[in-house]
PDB file of N, CA and C in Angstrom:
ATOM      1  N   MET A   1     -46.601  33.639 -13.877  1.00  0.00           N
ATOM      2  CA  MET A   1     -45.046  33.889 -13.979  1.00  0.00           C
ATOM      3  C   MET A   1     -44.170  33.714 -12.877  1.00  0.00           C
ATOM      4  N   GLN A   2     -43.321  32.912 -13.082  1.00  0.00           N
ATOM      5  CA  GLN A   2     -42.777  32.836 -11.866  1.00  0.00           C
ATOM      6  C   GLN A   2     -41.462  34.199 -11.410  1.00  0.00           C
ATOM      7  N   ASP A   3     -41.349  34.047  -9.921  1.00  0.00           N
ATOM      8  CA  ASP A   3     -40.073  35.072 -10.110  1.00  0.00           C
ATOM      9  C   ASP A   3     -39.126  34.796 -10.579  1.00  0.00           C
ATOM     10  N   GLU A   4     -38.198  35.307 -11.055  1.00  0.00           N
ATOM     11  CA  GLU A   4     -36.706  35.177 -11.782  1.00  0.00           C
ATOM     12  C   GLU A   4     -35.927  35.763 -10.592  1.00  0.00           C
ATOM     13  N   LYS A   5     -35.155  34.863 -10.436  1.00  0.00           N
ATOM     14  CA  LYS A   5     -33.842  35.379  -9.640  1.00  0.00           C
ATOM     15  C   LYS A   5     -32.474  36.249 -10.102  1.00  0.00           C
ATOM     16  N   ARG A   6     -32.648  37.155  -9.525  1.00  0.00           N
ATOM     17  CA  ARG A   6     -31.717  38.023 -10.007  1.00  0.00           C
ATOM     18  C   ARG A   6     -30.418  38.461  -9.323  1.00  0.00           C
ATOM     19  N   TYR A   7     -29.156  38.466  -9.903  1.00  0.00           N
ATOM     20  CA  TYR A   7     -28.134  38.312  -9.130  1.00  0.00           C
ATOM     21  C   TYR A   7     -27.341  39.752  -9.720  1.00  0.00           C
ATOM     22  N   ASP A   8     -26.555  40.737  -8.595  1.00  0.00           N
ATOM     23  CA  ASP A   8     -26.339  41.598  -8.703  1.00  0.00           C
ATOM     24  C   ASP A   8     -24.465  41.325  -9.324  1.00  0.00           C
ATOM     25  N   ILE A   9     -24.022  41.166 -10.240  1.00  0.00           N
ATOM     26  CA  ILE A   9     -22.704  40.677 -10.464  1.00  0.00           C
ATOM     27  C   ILE A   9     -21.754  41.732 -11.092  1.00  0.00           C
ATOM     28  N   SER A  10     -22.177  42.925 -10.188  1.00  0.00           N
ATOM     29  CA  SER A  10     -21.576  43.951 -10.767  1.00  0.00           C
ATOM     30  C   SER A  10     -20.106  44.153 -10.417  1.00  0.00           C
ATOM     31  N   GLU A  11     -19.592  42.881  -9.211  1.00  0.00           N
ATOM     32  CA  GLU A  11     -18.474  43.143  -8.741  1.00  0.00           C
ATOM     33  C   GLU A  11     -18.001  41.864  -8.492  1.00  0.00           C
ATOM     34  N   VAL A  12     -16.674  41.522  -9.468  1.00  0.00           N
ATOM     35  CA  VAL A  12     -16.485  40.197  -9.799  1.00  0.00           C
ATOM     36  C   VAL A  12     -15.169  40.018  -9.103  1.00  0.00           C
ATOM     37  N   LYS A  13     -14.670  38.954  -8.077  1.00  0.00           N
ATOM     38  CA  LYS A  13     -13.574  38.950  -7.264  1.00  0.00           C
ATOM     39  C   LYS A  13     -12.295  38.416  -7.728  1.00  0.00           C
ATOM     40  N   LEU A  14     -11.318  38.046  -8.063  1.00  0.00           N
ATOM     41  CA  LEU A  14     -10.397  37.446  -8.617  1.00  0.00           C
ATOM     42  C   LEU A  14      -9.239  37.227  -7.634  1.00  0.00           C
ATOM     43  N   ARG A  15      -8.999  35.919  -7.258  1.00  0.00           N
ATOM     44  CA  ARG A  15      -7.446  35.867  -6.464  1.00  0.00           C
ATOM     45  C   ARG A  15      -6.495  36.134  -7.298  1.00  0.00           C
ATOM     46  N   PRO A  16      -5.704  36.920  -6.774  1.00  0.00           N
ATOM     47  CA  PRO A  16      -4.147  36.729  -7.955  1.00  0.00           C
ATOM     48  C   PRO A  16      -3.499  35.609  -8.258  1.00  0.00           C
ATOM     49  N   SER A  17      -3.091  35.622  -9.397  1.00  0.00           N
ATOM     50  CA  SER A  17      -2.861  34.525 -10.279  1.00  0.00           C
ATOM     51  C   SER A  17      -1.076  33.666  -9.356  1.00  0.00           C
ATOM     52  N   LEU A  18      -1.072  32.758  -8.950  1.00  0.00           N
ATOM     53  CA  LEU A  18       0.408  32.058  -8.317  1.00  0.00           C
ATOM     54  C   LEU A  18       0.855  31.790  -9.470  1.00  0.00           C
ATOM     55  N   LEU A  19       0.198  30.873 -10.531  1.00  0.00           N
ATOM     56  CA  LEU A  19       1.368  30.190 -11.274  1.00  0.00           C
ATOM     57  C   LEU A  19       0.756  30.574 -12.940  1.00  0.00           C
ATOM     58  N   THR A  20       2.008  30.040 -13.866  1.00  0.00           N
ATOM     59  CA  THR A  20       1.055  30.478 -15.122  1.00  0.00           C
ATOM     60  C   THR A  20       1.494  29.338 -16.009  1.00  0.00           C
ATOM     61  N   VAL A  21       0.799  29.262 -16.822  1.00  0.00           N
ATOM     62  CA  VAL A  21       0.321  28.053 -17.684  1.00  0.00           C
ATOM     63  C   VAL A  21       0.644  28.514 -18.973  1.00  0.00           C
ATOM     64  N   VAL A  22       1.437  27.945 -19.894  1.00  0.00           N
ATOM     65  CA  VAL A  22       1.592  28.397 -21.114  1.00  0.00           C
ATOM     66  C   VAL A  22       1.190  27.173 -21.912  1.00  0.00           C
ATOM     67  N   VAL A  23      -0.273  27.213 -22.948  1.00  0.00           N
ATOM     68  CA  VAL A  23      -0.897  26.176 -24.056  1.00  0.00           C
ATOM     69  C   VAL A  23      -0.133  27.502 -25.185  1.00  0.00           C
ATOM     70  N   PHE A  24       0.592  25.823 -25.983  1.00  0.00           N
ATOM     71  CA  PHE A  24       0.702  26.143 -27.647  1.00  0.00           C
ATOM     72  C   PHE A  24       0.719  24.894 -28.385  1.00  0.00           C
ATOM     73  N   PRO A  25       0.618  25.402 -30.181  1.00  0.00           N
ATOM     74  CA  PRO A  25       0.608  23.950 -30.331  1.00  0.00           C
ATOM     75  C   PRO A  25       2.057  23.540 -30.596  1.00  0.00           C
ATOM     76  N   ASP A  26       2.119  22.332 -31.159  1.00  0.00           N
ATOM     77  CA  ASP A  26       3.858  21.738 -31.399  1.00  0.00           C
ATOM     78  C   ASP A  26       3.357  20.302 -31.828  1.00  0.00           C
ATOM     79  N   SER A  27       3.845  20.481 -33.103  1.00  0.00           N
ATOM     80  CA  SER A  27       3.264  19.415 -33.898  1.00  0.00           C
ATOM     81  C   SER A  27       2.304  18.169 -33.921  1.00  0.00           C
ATOM     82  N   GLY A  28       1.207  19.177 -34.313  1.00  0.00           N
ATOM     83  CA  GLY A  28      -0.193  19.048 -34.319  1.00  0.00           C
ATOM     84  C   GLY A  28      -0.761  18.531 -32.990  1.00  0.00           C
ATOM     85  N   ARG A  29      -0.027  19.199 -31.845  1.00  0.00           N
ATOM     86  CA  ARG A  29      -0.952  18.566 -30.432  1.00  0.00           C
ATOM     87  C   ARG A  29      -0.391  19.874 -30.305  1.00  0.00           C
ATOM     88  N   TYR A  30      -0.724  19.840 -28.145  1.00  0.00           N
ATOM     89  CA  TYR A  30      -1.113  21.091 -27.595  1.00  0.00           C
ATOM     90  C   TYR A  30      -0.612  21.217 -26.571  1.00  0.00           C
ATOM     91  N   VAL A  31       0.853  21.670 -26.422  1.00  0.00           N
ATOM     92  CA  VAL A  31       1.527  21.203 -24.767  1.00  0.00           C
ATOM     93  C   VAL A  31       1.027  22.719 -23.748  1.00  0.00           C
ATOM     94  N   ALA A  32       0.831  22.312 -22.663  1.00  0.00           N
ATOM     95  CA  ALA A  32       1.233  23.380 -21.522  1.00  0.00           C
ATOM     96  C   ALA A  32       2.168  23.216 -20.362  1.00  0.00           C
ATOM     97  N   LYS A  33       2.704  24.082 -20.567  1.00  0.00           N
ATOM     98  CA  LYS A  33       3.699  24.340 -19.246  1.00  0.00           C
ATOM     99  C   LYS A  33       3.626  24.844 -17.947  1.00  0.00           C
ATOM    100  N   CYS A  34       4.070  24.909 -16.869  1.00  0.00           N
ATOM    101  CA  CYS A  34       3.931  25.545 -16.117  1.00  0.00           C
ATOM    102  C   CYS A  34       5.227  26.449 -16.024  1.00  0.00           C
ATOM    103  N   ILE A  35       5.091  27.264 -15.952  1.00  0.00           N
ATOM    104  CA  ILE A  35       6.646  28.057 -16.309  1.00  0.00           C
ATOM    105  C   ILE A  35       7.206  27.784 -14.743  1.00  0.00           C
ATOM    106  N   GLU A  36       6.465  27.882 -13.512  1.00  0.00           N
ATOM    107  CA  GLU A  36       7.213  28.028 -12.501  1.00  0.00           C
ATOM    108  C   GLU A  36       7.375  26.905 -11.785  1.00  0.00           C
ATOM    109  N   LEU A  37       6.899  25.955 -12.138  1.00  0.00           N
ATOM    110  CA  LEU A  37       7.656  24.499 -11.675  1.00  0.00           C
ATOM    111  C   LEU A  37       8.253  23.539 -12.581  1.00  0.00           C
ATOM    112  N   ASP A  38       7.964  24.083 -13.599  1.00  0.00           N
ATOM    113  CA  ASP A  38       8.586  23.827 -14.805  1.00  0.00           C
ATOM    114  C   ASP A  38       7.693  22.272 -15.472  1.00  0.00           C
ATOM    115  N   LEU A  39       6.800  22.173 -15.237  1.00  0.00           N
ATOM    116  CA  LEU A  39       5.943  20.663 -15.532  1.00  0.00           C
ATOM    117  C   LEU A  39       5.301  21.195 -16.807  1.00  0.00           C
ATOM    118  N   ILE A  40       5.497  19.860 -17.588  1.00  0.00           N
ATOM    119  CA  ILE A  40       4.885  19.996 -19.544  1.00  0.00           C
ATOM    120  C   ILE A  40       3.937  18.832 -19.356  1.00  0.00           C
ATOM    121  N   THR A  41       2.886  18.936 -20.259  1.00  0.00           N
ATOM    122  CA  THR A  41       1.999  17.809 -20.289  1.00  0.00           C
ATOM    123  C   THR A  41       2.228  18.171 -22.039  1.00  0.00           C
ATOM    124  N   GLU A  42       1.193  17.332 -22.841  1.00  0.00           N
ATOM    125  CA  GLU A  42       1.050  17.340 -24.136  1.00  0.00           C
ATOM    126  C   GLU A  42      -0.425  16.399 -24.083  1.00  0.00           C
ATOM    127  N   MET A  43      -1.107  17.020 -24.897  1.00  0.00           N
ATOM    128  CA  MET A  43      -2.761  16.798 -25.587  1.00  0.00           C
ATOM    129  C   MET A  43      -2.940  16.513 -26.726  1.00  0.00           C
ATOM    130  N   ASP A  44      -4.344  16.402 -27.346  1.00  0.00           N
ATOM    131  CA  ASP A  44      -4.798  16.444 -28.153  1.00  0.00           C
ATOM    132  C   ASP A  44      -5.362  17.966 -28.729  1.00  0.00           C
ATOM    133  N   THR A  45      -6.168  18.232 -27.919  1.00  0.00           N
ATOM    134  CA  THR A  45      -6.457  19.981 -28.054  1.00  0.00           C
ATOM    135  C   THR A  45      -5.865  20.561 -26.785  1.00  0.00           C
ATOM    136  N   PRO A  46      -6.614  22.414 -26.720  1.00  0.00           N
ATOM    137  CA  PRO A  46      -5.886  23.223 -26.021  1.00  0.00           C
ATOM    138  C   PRO A  46      -6.439  22.714 -24.419  1.00  0.00           C
ATOM    139  N   GLU A  47      -7.893  22.357 -24.492  1.00  0.00           N
ATOM    140  CA  GLU A  47      -8.184  22.445 -23.345  1.00  0.00           C
ATOM    141  C   GLU A  47      -8.159  21.185 -23.228  1.00  0.00           C
ATOM    142  N   GLU A  48      -7.920  19.957 -23.363  1.00  0.00           N
ATOM    143  CA  GLU A  48      -7.399  18.883 -22.405  1.00  0.00           C
ATOM    144  C   GLU A  48      -5.803  19.607 -21.957  1.00  0.00           C
ATOM    145  N   ALA A  49      -4.861  19.707 -22.942  1.00  0.00           N
ATOM    146  CA  ALA A  49      -3.386  20.145 -22.342  1.00  0.00           C
ATOM    147  C   ALA A  49      -4.001  21.034 -20.893  1.00  0.00           C
ATOM    148  N   ALA A  50      -4.852  22.276 -21.030  1.00  0.00           N
ATOM    149  CA  ALA A  50      -5.319  22.856 -19.891  1.00  0.00           C
ATOM    150  C   ALA A  50      -5.807  21.839 -18.545  1.00  0.00           C
ATOM    151  N   GLU A  51      -6.520  20.881 -18.785  1.00  0.00           N
ATOM    152  CA  GLU A  51      -7.141  19.504 -17.975  1.00  0.00           C
ATOM    153  C   GLU A  51      -6.373  19.235 -16.884  1.00  0.00           C
ATOM    154  N   ALA A  52      -5.277  18.528 -18.295  1.00  0.00           N
ATOM    155  CA  ALA A  52      -4.174  17.331 -17.872  1.00  0.00           C
ATOM    156  C   ALA A  52      -3.125  18.684 -16.709  1.00  0.00           C
ATOM    157  N   VAL A  53      -2.897  19.510 -17.441  1.00  0.00           N
ATOM    158  CA  VAL A  53      -1.732  20.165 -16.264  1.00  0.00           C
ATOM    159  C   VAL A  53      -2.204  20.404 -14.798  1.00  0.00           C
ATOM    160  N   VAL A  54      -3.448  20.377 -14.596  1.00  0.00           N
ATOM    161  CA  VAL A  54      -4.364  20.282 -13.427  1.00  0.00           C
ATOM    162  C   VAL A  54      -3.991  19.091 -12.662  1.00  0.00           C
ATOM    163  N   GLU A  55      -4.380  18.219 -13.494  1.00  0.00           N
ATOM    164  CA  GLU A  55      -3.968  17.435 -12.563  1.00  0.00           C
ATOM    165  C   GLU A  55      -2.396  16.995 -12.037  1.00  0.00           C
ATOM    166  N   MET A  56      -1.657  17.301 -13.202  1.00  0.00           N
ATOM    167  CA  MET A  56      -0.482  17.111 -12.959  1.00  0.00           C
ATOM    168  C   MET A  56       0.090  18.128 -11.864  1.00  0.00           C
ATOM    169  N   LEU A  57      -0.257  19.382 -11.789  1.00  0.00           N
ATOM    170  CA  LEU A  57      -0.143  19.695 -10.496  1.00  0.00           C
ATOM    171  C   LEU A  57      -0.946  19.247  -9.412  1.00  0.00           C
ATOM    172  N   LYS A  58      -1.980  18.759  -9.322  1.00  0.00           N
ATOM    173  CA  LYS A  58      -2.158  18.043  -7.852  1.00  0.00           C
ATOM    174  C   LYS A  58      -0.872  16.544  -7.826  1.00  0.00           C
ATOM    175  N   GLU A  59      -1.047  16.143  -8.721  1.00  0.00           N
ATOM    176  CA  GLU A  59       0.181  14.708  -8.237  1.00  0.00           C
ATOM    177  C   GLU A  59       1.552  15.602  -7.762  1.00  0.00           C
ATOM    178  N   TYR A  60       2.059  16.571  -8.706  1.00  0.00           N
ATOM    179  CA  TYR A  60       3.481  16.932  -8.237  1.00  0.00           C
ATOM    180  C   TYR A  60       3.287  17.267  -6.721  1.00  0.00           C
ATOM    181  N   ALA A  61       2.045  17.984  -6.126  1.00  0.00           N
ATOM    182  CA  ALA A  61       2.052  18.788  -5.315  1.00  0.00           C
ATOM    183  C   ALA A  61       2.315  17.656  -4.273  1.00  0.00           C
ATOM    184  N   GLU A  62       1.034  16.437  -4.548  1.00  0.00           N
ATOM    185  CA  GLU A  62       1.481  15.383  -3.569  1.00  0.00           C
ATOM    186  C   GLU A  62       2.638  14.221  -3.448  1.00  0.00           C
ATOM    187  N   ASP A  63       3.363  14.690  -4.480  1.00  0.00           N
ATOM    188  CA  ASP A  63       4.546  13.935  -4.194  1.00  0.00           C
ATOM    189  C   ASP A  63       5.541  14.471  -3.865  1.00  0.00           C
ATOM    190  N   TYR A  64       5.907  16.040  -3.659  1.00  0.00           N
ATOM    191  CA  TYR A  64       6.715  16.868  -3.191  1.00  0.00           C
ATOM    192  C   TYR A  64       6.251  16.818  -1.833  1.00  0.00           C
ATOM    193  N   HIS A  65       5.224  16.797  -1.325  1.00  0.00           N
ATOM    194  CA  HIS A  65       4.997  17.028  -0.062  1.00  0.00           C
ATOM    195  C   HIS A  65       4.997  15.597   0.440  1.00  0.00           C
ATOM    196  N   SER A  66       5.412  14.497  -0.037  1.00  0.00           N
ATOM    197  CA  SER A  66       5.725  13.139   0.050  1.00  0.00           C
ATOM    198  C   SER A  66       6.891  13.024   0.336  1.00  0.00           C
ATOM    199  N   ARG A  67       7.983  13.430   0.326  1.00  0.00           N
ATOM    200  CA  ARG A  67       9.196  13.435  -0.031  1.00  0.00           C
ATOM    201  C   ARG A  67       9.815  15.231   0.265  1.00  0.00           C
ATOM    202  N   GLU A  68       9.210  15.924   0.837  1.00  0.00           N
ATOM    203  CA  GLU A  68       9.483  17.164   0.952  1.00  0.00           C
ATOM    204  C   GLU A  68      10.909  17.142   1.890  1.00  0.00           C
ATOM    205  N   GLU A  69      11.343  16.576   2.709  1.00  0.00           N
ATOM    206  CA  GLU A  69      12.828  16.943   3.306  1.00  0.00           C
ATOM    207  C   GLU A  69      13.987  16.772   1.830  1.00  0.00           C
ATOM    208  N   MET A  70      13.695  15.845   1.271  1.00  0.00           N
ATOM    209  CA  MET A  70      14.287  15.717   0.138  1.00  0.00           C
ATOM    210  C   MET A  70      13.982  16.939  -0.807  1.00  0.00           C
ATOM    211  N   PHE A  71      13.642  17.443  -1.168  1.00  0.00           N
ATOM    212  CA  PHE A  71      12.873  18.565  -2.325  1.00  0.00           C
ATOM    213  C   PHE A  71      13.374  19.498  -1.870  1.00  0.00           C
ATOM    214  N   VAL A  72      13.058  20.605  -0.166  1.00  0.00           N
ATOM    215  CA  VAL A  72      13.453  21.327  -0.047  1.00  0.00           C
ATOM    216  C   VAL A  72      14.897  21.565   0.319  1.00  0.00           C
ATOM    217  N   ARG A  73      15.670  20.268   0.301  1.00  0.00           N
ATOM    218  CA  ARG A  73      16.979  20.637  -0.100  1.00  0.00           C
ATOM    219  C   ARG A  73      17.821  20.472  -1.355  1.00  0.00           C
ATOM    220  N   SER A  74      17.059  20.202  -2.087  1.00  0.00           N
ATOM    221  CA  SER A  74      17.327  20.429  -3.804  1.00  0.00           C
ATOM    222  C   SER A  74      17.264  21.498  -4.405  1.00  0.00           C
ATOM    223  N   PRO A  75      18.626  22.516  -4.763  1.00  0.00           N
ATOM    224  CA  PRO A  75      18.485  23.778  -5.515  1.00  0.00           C
ATOM    225  C   PRO A  75      18.008  24.029  -6.507  1.00  0.00           C
ATOM    226  N   ASN A  76      17.034  22.893  -7.042  1.00  0.00           N
ATOM    227  CA  ASN A  76      15.865  22.953  -7.990  1.00  0.00           C
ATOM    228  C   ASN A  76      15.020  22.888  -8.449  1.00  0.00           C
ATOM    229  N   ARG A  77      14.455  22.297  -6.466  1.00  0.00           N
ATOM    230  CA  ARG A  77      13.241  22.169  -5.888  1.00  0.00           C
ATOM    231  C   ARG A  77      12.637  23.313  -4.707  1.00  0.00           C
ATOM    232  N   SER A  78      13.458  23.165  -4.167  1.00  0.00           N
ATOM    233  CA  SER A  78      13.587  24.349  -2.890  1.00  0.00           C
ATOM    234  C   SER A  78      12.348  25.299  -3.192  1.00  0.00           C
ATOM    235  N   HIS A  79      12.460  25.949  -4.010  1.00  0.00           N
ATOM    236  CA  HIS A  79      11.684  27.207  -4.337  1.00  0.00           C
ATOM    237  C   HIS A  79      10.324  26.743  -4.927  1.00  0.00           C
ATOM    238  N   HIS A  80       9.872  25.425  -4.728  1.00  0.00           N
ATOM    239  CA  HIS A  80       8.523  25.153  -5.089  1.00  0.00           C
ATOM    240  C   HIS A  80       7.762  24.958  -4.090  1.00  0.00           C
ATOM    241  N   LYS A  81       8.158  24.940  -3.147  1.00  0.00           N
ATOM    242  CA  LYS A  81       7.538  25.201  -1.706  1.00  0.00           C
ATOM    243  C   LYS A  81       6.049  25.602  -1.406  1.00  0.00           C
ATOM    244  N   PRO A  82       6.250  26.891  -1.470  1.00  0.00           N
ATOM    245  CA  PRO A  82       5.067  28.280  -1.623  1.00  0.00           C
ATOM    246  C   PRO A  82       4.200  27.657  -2.042  1.00  0.00           C
ATOM    247  N   TYR A  83       4.433  27.035  -3.855  1.00  0.00           N
ATOM    248  CA  TYR A  83       3.385  26.809  -4.689  1.00  0.00           C
ATOM    249  C   TYR A  83       2.598  25.508  -4.582  1.00  0.00           C
ATOM    250  N   VAL A  84       3.539  24.425  -3.484  1.00  0.00           N
ATOM    251  CA  VAL A  84       2.998  22.958  -3.470  1.00  0.00           C
ATOM    252  C   VAL A  84       1.911  23.519  -2.486  1.00  0.00           C
ATOM    253  N   ASP A  85       2.327  24.225  -0.980  1.00  0.00           N
ATOM    254  CA  ASP A  85       1.948  24.968   0.059  1.00  0.00           C
ATOM    255  C   ASP A  85       0.407  25.044  -1.042  1.00  0.00           C
ATOM    256  N   ALA A  86       0.730  25.756  -1.355  1.00  0.00           N
ATOM    257  CA  ALA A  86      -0.668  26.527  -1.655  1.00  0.00           C
ATOM    258  C   ALA A  86      -1.748  25.698  -2.365  1.00  0.00           C
ATOM    259  N   LEU A  87      -1.152  24.867  -3.333  1.00  0.00           N
ATOM    260  CA  LEU A  87      -1.516  23.548  -4.038  1.00  0.00           C
ATOM    261  C   LEU A  87      -2.400  22.592  -3.455  1.00  0.00           C
ATOM    262  N   LEU A  88      -1.584  22.405  -2.155  1.00  0.00           N
ATOM    263  CA  LEU A  88      -2.060  21.366  -1.130  1.00  0.00           C
ATOM    264  C   LEU A  88      -3.103  22.029  -0.147  1.00  0.00           C
ATOM    265  N   ARG A  89      -3.777  23.578  -0.171  1.00  0.00           N
ATOM    266  CA  ARG A  89      -4.378  24.088   0.383  1.00  0.00           C
ATOM    267  C   ARG A  89      -6.084  24.113  -0.793  1.00  0.00           C
ATOM    268  N   CYS A  90      -5.798  24.035  -2.108  1.00  0.00           N
ATOM    269  CA  CYS A  90      -6.780  23.780  -2.616  1.00  0.00           C
ATOM    270  C   CYS A  90      -7.899  22.431  -2.736  1.00  0.00           C
ATOM    271  N   LYS A  91      -9.212  22.672  -2.510  1.00  0.00           N
ATOM    272  CA  LYS A  91     -10.106  21.403  -2.309  1.00  0.00           C
ATOM    273  C   LYS A  91     -10.473  20.706  -3.239  1.00  0.00           C
ATOM    274  N   THR A  92     -10.527  21.469  -4.821  1.00  0.00           N
ATOM    275  CA  THR A  92     -11.034  21.174  -5.436  1.00  0.00           C
ATOM    276  C   THR A  92     -10.397  21.649  -7.268  1.00  0.00           C
ATOM    277  N   ASP A  93     -10.587  20.857  -7.979  1.00  0.00           N
ATOM    278  CA  ASP A  93      -9.952  21.149  -9.313  1.00  0.00           C
ATOM    279  C   ASP A  93     -10.156  23.218  -9.464  1.00  0.00           C
ATOM    280  N   TRP A  94     -11.481  23.845  -9.515  1.00  0.00           N
ATOM    281  CA  TRP A  94     -11.639  24.957  -9.298  1.00  0.00           C
ATOM    282  C   TRP A  94     -10.860  25.778  -8.549  1.00  0.00           C
ATOM    283  N   ASP A  95     -10.448  24.961  -7.613  1.00  0.00           N
ATOM    284  CA  ASP A  95      -9.634  26.307  -6.498  1.00  0.00           C
ATOM    285  C   ASP A  95      -8.233  26.134  -7.320  1.00  0.00           C
ATOM    286  N   ILE A  96      -7.540  25.061  -7.813  1.00  0.00           N
ATOM    287  CA  ILE A  96      -6.122  25.127  -8.410  1.00  0.00           C
ATOM    288  C   ILE A  96      -6.734  26.232  -9.501  1.00  0.00           C
ATOM    289  N   GLN A  97      -7.494  25.879 -10.374  1.00  0.00           N
ATOM    290  CA  GLN A  97      -7.296  26.759 -11.491  1.00  0.00           C
ATOM    291  C   GLN A  97      -7.631  28.403 -11.468  1.00  0.00           C
ATOM    292  N   GLU A  98      -8.257  28.979 -10.211  1.00  0.00           N
ATOM    293  CA  GLU A  98      -8.081  30.146  -9.681  1.00  0.00           C
ATOM    294  C   GLU A  98      -6.806  30.467  -9.438  1.00  0.00           C
ATOM    295  N   LEU A  99      -5.919  29.509  -9.338  1.00  0.00           N
ATOM    296  CA  LEU A  99      -3.942  30.430  -8.874  1.00  0.00           C
ATOM    297  C   LEU A  99      -3.619  30.315 -10.139  1.00  0.00           C
ATOM    298  N   LEU A 100      -4.509  29.558 -11.471  1.00  0.00           N
ATOM    299  CA  LEU A 100      -3.715  29.795 -12.901  1.00  0.00           C
ATOM    300  C   LEU A 100      -4.101  30.906 -13.596  1.00  0.00           C
ATOM    301  N   GLU A 101      -2.975  31.601 -14.424  1.00  0.00           N
ATOM    302  CA  GLU A 101      -2.844  32.310 -15.306  1.00  0.00           C
ATOM    303  C   GLU A 101      -2.585  31.724 -16.599  1.00  0.00           C
ATOM    304  N   ILE A 102      -3.387  31.147 -17.345  1.00  0.00           N
ATOM    305  CA  ILE A 102      -3.247  30.282 -18.482  1.00  0.00           C
ATOM    306  C   ILE A 102      -3.305  31.771 -19.556  1.00  0.00           C
ATOM    307  N   ARG A 103      -2.081  31.075 -20.561  1.00  0.00           N
ATOM    308  CA  ARG A 103      -1.524  32.000 -21.494  1.00  0.00           C
ATOM    309  C   ARG A 103      -1.372  31.131 -23.078  1.00  0.00           C
ATOM    310  N   TYR A 104      -2.560  31.797 -23.850  1.00  0.00           N
ATOM    311  CA  TYR A 104      -2.073  30.864 -25.422  1.00  0.00           C
ATOM    312  C   TYR A 104      -1.167  31.351 -25.864  1.00  0.00           C
ATOM    313  N   GLY A 105      -0.021  30.716 -26.486  1.00  0.00           N
ATOM    314  CA  GLY A 105       1.039  31.195 -27.231  1.00  0.00           C
ATOM    315  C   GLY A 105       1.497  30.203 -28.427  1.00  0.00           C
ATOM    316  N   ARG A 106       2.652  30.809 -29.179  1.00  0.00           N
ATOM    317  CA  ARG A 106       3.396  29.525 -30.001  1.00  0.00           C
ATOM    318  C   ARG A 106       5.016  29.510 -28.893  1.00  0.00           C
ATOM    319  N   LEU A 107       4.971  28.145 -29.832  1.00  0.00           N
ATOM    320  CA  LEU A 107       6.616  27.617 -29.603  1.00  0.00           C
ATOM    321  C   LEU A 107       7.290  28.552 -30.282  1.00  0.00           C
ATOM    322  N   HIS A 108       8.084  29.538 -30.008  1.00  0.00           N
ATOM    323  CA  HIS A 108       9.746  29.918 -31.357  1.00  0.00           C
ATOM    324  C   HIS A 108      10.642  29.486 -30.990  1.00  0.00           C
ATOM    325  N   ILE A 109      11.459  28.853 -32.003  1.00  0.00           N
ATOM    326  CA  ILE A 109      12.753  27.713 -31.366  1.00  0.00           C
ATOM    327  C   ILE A 109      13.948  28.581 -32.015  1.00  0.00           C
ATOM    328  N   ARG A 110      14.882  29.211 -31.402  1.00  0.00           N
ATOM    329  CA  ARG A 110      15.743  29.999 -32.000  1.00  0.00           C
ATOM    330  C   ARG A 110      16.983  28.842 -32.190  1.00  0.00           C
ATOM    331  N   PRO A 111      18.149  29.261 -33.407  1.00  0.00           N
ATOM    332  CA  PRO A 111      18.844  28.317 -33.529  1.00  0.00           C
ATOM    333  C   PRO A 111      19.927  28.946 -32.387  1.00  0.00           C
ATOM    334  N   VAL A 112      20.506  27.888 -31.902  1.00  0.00           N
ATOM    335  CA  VAL A 112      22.378  27.789 -31.384  1.00  0.00           C
ATOM    336  C   VAL A 112      23.332  27.752 -32.174  1.00  0.00           C
ATOM    337  N   SER A 113      23.740  28.909 -31.686  1.00  0.00           N
ATOM    338  CA  SER A 113      25.362  28.738 -32.342  1.00  0.00           C
ATOM    339  C   SER A 113      26.236  28.080 -31.323  1.00  0.00           C
ATOM    340  N   ALA A 114      27.184  26.730 -32.329  1.00  0.00           N
ATOM    341  CA  ALA A 114      27.365  26.309 -31.543  1.00  0.00           C
ATOM    342  C   ALA A 114      29.111  26.498 -31.662  1.00  0.00           C
ATOM    343  N   SER A 115      29.886  26.945 -30.599  1.00  0.00           N
ATOM    344  CA  SER A 115      30.936  27.283 -29.620  1.00  0.00           C
ATOM    345  C   SER A 115      31.995  26.334 -30.293  1.00  0.00           C
ATOM    346  N   ILE A 116      32.943  26.765 -30.793  1.00  0.00           N
ATOM    347  CA  ILE A 116      33.907  25.707 -30.939  1.00  0.00           C
ATOM    348  C   ILE A 116      35.580  26.120 -29.961  1.00  0.00           C
ATOM    349  N   ALA A 117      35.821  25.163 -29.178  1.00  0.00           N
ATOM    350  CA  ALA A 117      37.031  25.658 -27.954  1.00  0.00           C
ATOM    351  C   ALA A 117      38.325  25.108 -28.932  1.00  0.00           C
TER     352      ALA A 117
END
């Protein structure tokens, strides 16, 4: 009989979440939206949508970094810098996934009443 390796998994360490991703069905497909960076992707399954948002986060971080001087002066993108810096420190997709809190939900659309001037 071979010696079995035993692991003590009584303690699991989790990184605090940095980014929130919400995955929800929409018209037969699945949308993943990163709330803090306002990035959205759409795929056929919830798993594909979650994977695609990781790729999108990597691409966005690289693009932001390459044009950082412009983005840090942009009122709608300057607050992204700490998130981008954290993403750029990640070496693998797993590192990025550890930064994410993925929530599954539903899209609710409320009618907006038109104001007449």
